[in-house]
Amino acid sequence: MDSLKELNKKHRRFVEERNWQKHQSPKNLVLALVGEVGELAEHFQWLSQEESWNLGDGKKQAVGEELADVLIYLTRIADELGIDLVAAAHEKCEANDRKYPVKEFRGEYKRPHEYKEK
């Protein structure tokens, strides 16, 4: 199983089998996503940058589980709203390419919000 469509189909079936569809509003899914992102952040809270790159196996497994939860909620929100998440991500990458052309931004060590608007 290697596609978001397959993942979403599997999780949609999981939800339907438990009759949880009434809880799957975009609002509820976004709030659940926020909670999962918070759980993910807890694994990195107070780590140095170096420590965040070198997670032990147990910590890495736990982070993977939280990332999976985040991905599942993202795909569920997109499904409920009829958004092709992969297409939206590609469109966003193209918009970022136009907004931050390599020629103008390569070698700069600023964060995106530190550049002056053109």
N, C-alpha and C. Protein backbone atom coordinates (compact mmCIF):
# COMPACT_ATOMS: atom_id res chain seq x y z
N MET A 1 0.86 -1.18 0.00
CA MET A 1 0.00 0.00 0.00
C MET A 1 0.90 1.23 0.00
N ASP A 2 0.88 1.95 -1.10
CA ASP A 2 1.82 3.05 -1.19
C ASP A 2 1.21 4.34 -1.72
N SER A 3 -0.10 4.43 -1.76
CA SER A 3 -0.68 5.68 -2.24
C SER A 3 -1.60 6.28 -1.19
N LEU A 4 -1.74 7.59 -1.25
CA LEU A 4 -2.66 8.25 -0.33
C LEU A 4 -4.09 7.81 -0.56
N LYS A 5 -4.44 7.53 -1.82
CA LYS A 5 -5.80 7.06 -2.11
C LYS A 5 -6.07 5.73 -1.43
N GLU A 6 -5.11 4.83 -1.49
CA GLU A 6 -5.27 3.52 -0.83
C GLU A 6 -5.35 3.68 0.68
N LEU A 7 -4.49 4.53 1.22
CA LEU A 7 -4.51 4.79 2.66
C LEU A 7 -5.86 5.36 3.09
N ASN A 8 -6.35 6.33 2.33
CA ASN A 8 -7.62 6.95 2.67
C ASN A 8 -8.76 5.96 2.57
N LYS A 9 -8.75 5.13 1.55
CA LYS A 9 -9.78 4.11 1.39
C LYS A 9 -9.79 3.15 2.58
N LYS A 10 -8.61 2.76 3.02
CA LYS A 10 -8.49 1.85 4.16
C LYS A 10 -9.04 2.51 5.43
N HIS A 11 -8.68 3.78 5.64
CA HIS A 11 -9.14 4.44 6.87
C HIS A 11 -10.63 4.79 6.78
N ARG A 12 -11.12 5.13 5.59
CA ARG A 12 -12.56 5.38 5.44
C ARG A 12 -13.34 4.12 5.79
N ARG A 13 -12.87 2.95 5.34
CA ARG A 13 -13.51 1.68 5.68
C ARG A 13 -13.47 1.46 7.19
N PHE A 14 -12.33 1.76 7.82
CA PHE A 14 -12.18 1.65 9.28
C PHE A 14 -13.25 2.48 9.98
N VAL A 15 -13.44 3.72 9.53
CA VAL A 15 -14.43 4.62 10.13
C VAL A 15 -15.85 4.08 9.92
N GLU A 16 -16.14 3.66 8.69
CA GLU A 16 -17.48 3.17 8.38
C GLU A 16 -17.82 1.91 9.16
N GLU A 17 -16.87 1.00 9.32
CA GLU A 17 -17.12 -0.24 10.07
C GLU A 17 -17.47 0.03 11.52
N ARG A 18 -17.03 1.14 12.06
CA ARG A 18 -17.30 1.48 13.45
C ARG A 18 -18.44 2.50 13.59
N ASN A 19 -19.02 2.88 12.44
CA ASN A 19 -20.12 3.85 12.41
C ASN A 19 -19.70 5.18 13.04
N TRP A 20 -18.50 5.62 12.73
CA TRP A 20 -17.96 6.86 13.28
C TRP A 20 -18.11 8.03 12.31
N GLN A 21 -18.77 7.82 11.17
CA GLN A 21 -18.85 8.84 10.15
C GLN A 21 -19.42 10.15 10.69
N LYS A 22 -20.36 10.08 11.61
CA LYS A 22 -20.97 11.31 12.14
C LYS A 22 -19.95 12.20 12.85
N HIS A 23 -18.81 11.63 13.24
CA HIS A 23 -17.76 12.39 13.92
C HIS A 23 -16.70 12.93 12.97
N GLN A 24 -16.86 12.66 11.67
CA GLN A 24 -15.81 12.96 10.70
C GLN A 24 -16.01 14.29 9.98
N SER A 25 -16.56 15.28 10.65
CA SER A 25 -16.70 16.59 10.02
C SER A 25 -15.31 17.20 9.84
N PRO A 26 -15.16 18.08 8.85
CA PRO A 26 -13.86 18.74 8.70
C PRO A 26 -13.40 19.42 9.99
N LYS A 27 -14.31 20.08 10.69
CA LYS A 27 -13.95 20.74 11.95
C LYS A 27 -13.38 19.73 12.96
N ASN A 28 -14.06 18.64 13.16
CA ASN A 28 -13.59 17.64 14.12
C ASN A 28 -12.25 17.04 13.69
N LEU A 29 -12.11 16.79 12.40
CA LEU A 29 -10.86 16.22 11.91
C LEU A 29 -9.70 17.20 12.06
N VAL A 30 -9.94 18.48 11.82
CA VAL A 30 -8.87 19.47 12.01
C VAL A 30 -8.47 19.53 13.47
N LEU A 31 -9.43 19.52 14.37
CA LEU A 31 -9.09 19.56 15.80
C LEU A 31 -8.32 18.30 16.22
N ALA A 32 -8.71 17.15 15.67
CA ALA A 32 -7.96 15.92 15.96
C ALA A 32 -6.54 16.02 15.40
N LEU A 33 -6.41 16.59 14.21
CA LEU A 33 -5.09 16.80 13.61
C LEU A 33 -4.21 17.67 14.50
N VAL A 34 -4.77 18.75 15.00
CA VAL A 34 -4.02 19.65 15.88
C VAL A 34 -3.53 18.89 17.11
N GLY A 35 -4.39 18.06 17.67
CA GLY A 35 -3.99 17.25 18.83
C GLY A 35 -2.84 16.32 18.49
N GLU A 36 -2.90 15.69 17.32
CA GLU A 36 -1.83 14.78 16.92
C GLU A 36 -0.53 15.52 16.65
N VAL A 37 -0.62 16.71 16.06
CA VAL A 37 0.60 17.51 15.85
C VAL A 37 1.20 17.88 17.20
N GLY A 38 0.36 18.17 18.18
CA GLY A 38 0.85 18.45 19.53
C GLY A 38 1.58 17.25 20.11
N GLU A 39 1.02 16.06 19.91
CA GLU A 39 1.68 14.84 20.40
C GLU A 39 3.02 14.63 19.69
N LEU A 40 3.06 14.93 18.41
CA LEU A 40 4.32 14.84 17.67
C LEU A 40 5.33 15.84 18.23
N ALA A 41 4.89 17.06 18.47
CA ALA A 41 5.78 18.11 18.98
C ALA A 41 6.37 17.73 20.34
N GLU A 42 5.60 17.03 21.16
CA GLU A 42 6.10 16.63 22.48
C GLU A 42 7.37 15.81 22.39
N HIS A 43 7.50 15.03 21.33
CA HIS A 43 8.70 14.19 21.19
C HIS A 43 9.96 15.02 20.91
N PHE A 44 9.78 16.24 20.42
CA PHE A 44 10.91 17.09 20.09
C PHE A 44 11.12 18.23 21.08
N GLN A 45 10.13 18.43 21.92
CA GLN A 45 10.22 19.53 22.88
C GLN A 45 11.45 19.34 23.74
N TRP A 46 12.21 20.40 23.87
CA TRP A 46 13.40 20.48 24.72
C TRP A 46 14.61 19.74 24.16
N LEU A 47 14.51 19.13 22.98
CA LEU A 47 15.69 18.52 22.38
C LEU A 47 16.53 19.59 21.71
N SER A 48 17.83 19.39 21.69
CA SER A 48 18.68 20.26 20.88
C SER A 48 18.47 19.90 19.41
N GLN A 49 18.97 20.75 18.52
CA GLN A 49 18.86 20.42 17.09
C GLN A 49 19.56 19.10 16.81
N GLU A 50 20.72 18.93 17.39
CA GLU A 50 21.46 17.68 17.17
C GLU A 50 20.68 16.47 17.67
N GLU A 51 20.11 16.57 18.85
CA GLU A 51 19.32 15.46 19.40
C GLU A 51 18.10 15.15 18.51
N SER A 52 17.53 16.19 17.91
CA SER A 52 16.35 15.96 17.06
C SER A 52 16.70 15.18 15.80
N TRP A 53 17.96 15.23 15.37
CA TRP A 53 18.41 14.46 14.22
C TRP A 53 18.76 13.03 14.59
N ASN A 54 19.03 12.77 15.85
CA ASN A 54 19.54 11.48 16.29
C ASN A 54 18.61 10.83 17.32
N LEU A 55 17.41 10.52 16.89
CA LEU A 55 16.45 9.88 17.79
C LEU A 55 16.83 8.42 17.97
N GLY A 56 16.68 7.93 19.17
CA GLY A 56 16.90 6.51 19.40
C GLY A 56 15.79 5.71 18.73
N ASP A 57 15.98 4.39 18.62
CA ASP A 57 15.00 3.56 17.92
C ASP A 57 13.60 3.66 18.52
N GLY A 58 13.49 3.62 19.83
CA GLY A 58 12.18 3.71 20.48
C GLY A 58 11.50 5.04 20.22
N LYS A 59 12.27 6.11 20.31
CA LYS A 59 11.74 7.46 20.06
C LYS A 59 11.35 7.60 18.59
N LYS A 60 12.18 7.06 17.71
CA LYS A 60 11.90 7.14 16.28
C LYS A 60 10.61 6.38 15.94
N GLN A 61 10.39 5.25 16.57
CA GLN A 61 9.16 4.47 16.37
C GLN A 61 7.95 5.29 16.82
N ALA A 62 8.05 5.93 17.98
CA ALA A 62 6.95 6.74 18.51
C ALA A 62 6.66 7.93 17.60
N VAL A 63 7.72 8.57 17.10
CA VAL A 63 7.55 9.70 16.17
C VAL A 63 6.87 9.21 14.89
N GLY A 64 7.26 8.05 14.40
CA GLY A 64 6.62 7.48 13.21
C GLY A 64 5.13 7.25 13.41
N GLU A 65 4.75 6.80 14.60
CA GLU A 65 3.33 6.59 14.89
C GLU A 65 2.57 7.91 14.90
N GLU A 66 3.16 8.95 15.45
CA GLU A 66 2.49 10.26 15.46
C GLU A 66 2.42 10.83 14.05
N LEU A 67 3.48 10.67 13.27
CA LEU A 67 3.44 11.12 11.88
C LEU A 67 2.35 10.40 11.10
N ALA A 68 2.18 9.11 11.37
CA ALA A 68 1.11 8.35 10.71
C ALA A 68 -0.26 8.92 11.08
N ASP A 69 -0.46 9.24 12.35
CA ASP A 69 -1.73 9.84 12.77
C ASP A 69 -1.97 11.16 12.04
N VAL A 70 -0.93 11.98 11.94
CA VAL A 70 -1.05 13.27 11.25
C VAL A 70 -1.43 13.04 9.78
N LEU A 71 -0.76 12.10 9.13
CA LEU A 71 -1.04 11.81 7.73
C LEU A 71 -2.48 11.31 7.55
N ILE A 72 -2.91 10.43 8.43
CA ILE A 72 -4.27 9.91 8.34
C ILE A 72 -5.30 11.03 8.46
N TYR A 73 -5.11 11.92 9.43
CA TYR A 73 -6.07 13.01 9.58
C TYR A 73 -6.02 13.97 8.39
N LEU A 74 -4.84 14.24 7.85
CA LEU A 74 -4.74 15.09 6.66
C LEU A 74 -5.51 14.48 5.49
N THR A 75 -5.33 13.19 5.27
CA THR A 75 -6.03 12.54 4.15
C THR A 75 -7.53 12.49 4.40
N ARG A 76 -7.95 12.32 5.64
CA ARG A 76 -9.39 12.30 5.95
C ARG A 76 -10.00 13.67 5.71
N ILE A 77 -9.33 14.75 6.13
CA ILE A 77 -9.85 16.10 5.91
C ILE A 77 -10.00 16.34 4.41
N ALA A 78 -8.96 16.03 3.66
CA ALA A 78 -9.01 16.23 2.22
C ALA A 78 -10.14 15.41 1.60
N ASP A 79 -10.33 14.18 2.03
CA ASP A 79 -11.39 13.34 1.50
C ASP A 79 -12.76 13.93 1.79
N GLU A 80 -12.97 14.36 3.01
CA GLU A 80 -14.27 14.93 3.38
C GLU A 80 -14.57 16.20 2.61
N LEU A 81 -13.54 16.95 2.23
CA LEU A 81 -13.74 18.21 1.50
C LEU A 81 -13.60 18.05 -0.02
N GLY A 82 -13.28 16.83 -0.47
CA GLY A 82 -13.14 16.59 -1.90
C GLY A 82 -11.92 17.27 -2.50
N ILE A 83 -10.83 17.31 -1.74
CA ILE A 83 -9.59 17.93 -2.20
C ILE A 83 -8.58 16.83 -2.52
N ASP A 84 -8.00 16.91 -3.72
CA ASP A 84 -6.92 15.99 -4.10
C ASP A 84 -5.66 16.53 -3.43
N LEU A 85 -5.27 15.90 -2.35
CA LEU A 85 -4.17 16.40 -1.53
C LEU A 85 -2.84 16.41 -2.29
N VAL A 86 -2.59 15.39 -3.07
CA VAL A 86 -1.34 15.33 -3.84
C VAL A 86 -1.32 16.43 -4.89
N ALA A 87 -2.42 16.63 -5.59
CA ALA A 87 -2.48 17.71 -6.59
C ALA A 87 -2.32 19.07 -5.92
N ALA A 88 -2.97 19.25 -4.77
CA ALA A 88 -2.84 20.52 -4.05
C ALA A 88 -1.40 20.77 -3.62
N ALA A 89 -0.71 19.72 -3.19
CA ALA A 89 0.69 19.86 -2.77
C ALA A 89 1.58 20.22 -3.96
N HIS A 90 1.33 19.58 -5.11
CA HIS A 90 2.10 19.92 -6.31
C HIS A 90 1.86 21.37 -6.72
N GLU A 91 0.61 21.80 -6.66
CA GLU A 91 0.29 23.19 -7.01
C GLU A 91 0.98 24.15 -6.04
N LYS A 92 1.03 23.81 -4.76
CA LYS A 92 1.69 24.66 -3.78
C LYS A 92 3.19 24.73 -4.04
N CYS A 93 3.80 23.59 -4.40
CA CYS A 93 5.23 23.59 -4.73
C CYS A 93 5.51 24.50 -5.92
N GLU A 94 4.65 24.44 -6.93
CA GLU A 94 4.83 25.29 -8.10
C GLU A 94 4.67 26.77 -7.73
N ALA A 95 3.70 27.08 -6.87
CA ALA A 95 3.52 28.46 -6.41
C ALA A 95 4.75 28.94 -5.65
N ASN A 96 5.31 28.06 -4.80
CA ASN A 96 6.52 28.42 -4.05
C ASN A 96 7.71 28.64 -4.98
N ASP A 97 7.80 27.82 -6.05
CA ASP A 97 8.87 28.02 -7.03
C ASP A 97 8.78 29.40 -7.67
N ARG A 98 7.55 29.82 -7.97
CA ARG A 98 7.37 31.14 -8.57
C ARG A 98 7.64 32.25 -7.55
N LYS A 99 7.23 32.03 -6.33
CA LYS A 99 7.37 33.05 -5.29
C LYS A 99 8.82 33.21 -4.84
N TYR A 100 9.57 32.12 -4.82
CA TYR A 100 10.96 32.13 -4.35
C TYR A 100 11.88 31.54 -5.42
N PRO A 101 12.11 32.24 -6.52
CA PRO A 101 12.96 31.70 -7.59
C PRO A 101 14.38 31.45 -7.09
N VAL A 102 14.95 30.35 -7.51
CA VAL A 102 16.29 29.94 -7.08
C VAL A 102 17.29 31.06 -7.32
N LYS A 103 17.22 31.68 -8.47
CA LYS A 103 18.18 32.72 -8.85
C LYS A 103 18.23 33.86 -7.82
N GLU A 104 17.10 34.17 -7.23
CA GLU A 104 17.05 35.29 -6.29
C GLU A 104 17.27 34.87 -4.84
N PHE A 105 17.07 33.62 -4.53
CA PHE A 105 17.07 33.22 -3.12
C PHE A 105 18.16 32.25 -2.73
N ARG A 106 18.85 31.64 -3.67
CA ARG A 106 19.90 30.67 -3.34
C ARG A 106 21.04 31.37 -2.60
N GLY A 107 21.47 30.74 -1.52
CA GLY A 107 22.57 31.29 -0.75
C GLY A 107 22.14 32.23 0.36
N GLU A 108 20.90 32.65 0.35
CA GLU A 108 20.39 33.51 1.42
C GLU A 108 20.01 32.60 2.59
N TYR A 109 20.26 33.08 3.77
CA TYR A 109 19.95 32.27 4.94
C TYR A 109 18.83 32.89 5.77
N LYS A 110 17.91 33.49 5.06
CA LYS A 110 16.76 34.10 5.72
C LYS A 110 15.59 33.13 5.67
N ARG A 111 14.67 33.31 6.60
CA ARG A 111 13.42 32.57 6.54
C ARG A 111 12.51 33.28 5.55
N PRO A 112 11.56 32.55 4.95
CA PRO A 112 10.73 33.17 3.90
C PRO A 112 10.08 34.49 4.31
N HIS A 113 9.64 34.62 5.52
CA HIS A 113 8.94 35.85 5.92
C HIS A 113 9.90 37.04 6.09
N GLU A 114 11.20 36.79 6.06
CA GLU A 114 12.18 37.87 6.23
C GLU A 114 12.49 38.60 4.92
N TYR A 115 12.04 38.05 3.80
CA TYR A 115 12.26 38.70 2.51
C TYR A 115 11.21 39.79 2.32
N LYS A 116 11.62 40.84 1.65
CA LYS A 116 10.66 41.90 1.34
C LYS A 116 9.77 41.45 0.19
N GLU A 117 8.49 41.80 0.29
CA GLU A 117 7.56 41.50 -0.78
C GLU A 117 7.94 42.29 -2.03
N LYS A 118 7.74 41.71 -3.18
CA LYS A 118 8.07 42.39 -4.44
C LYS A 118 6.85 43.05 -5.00
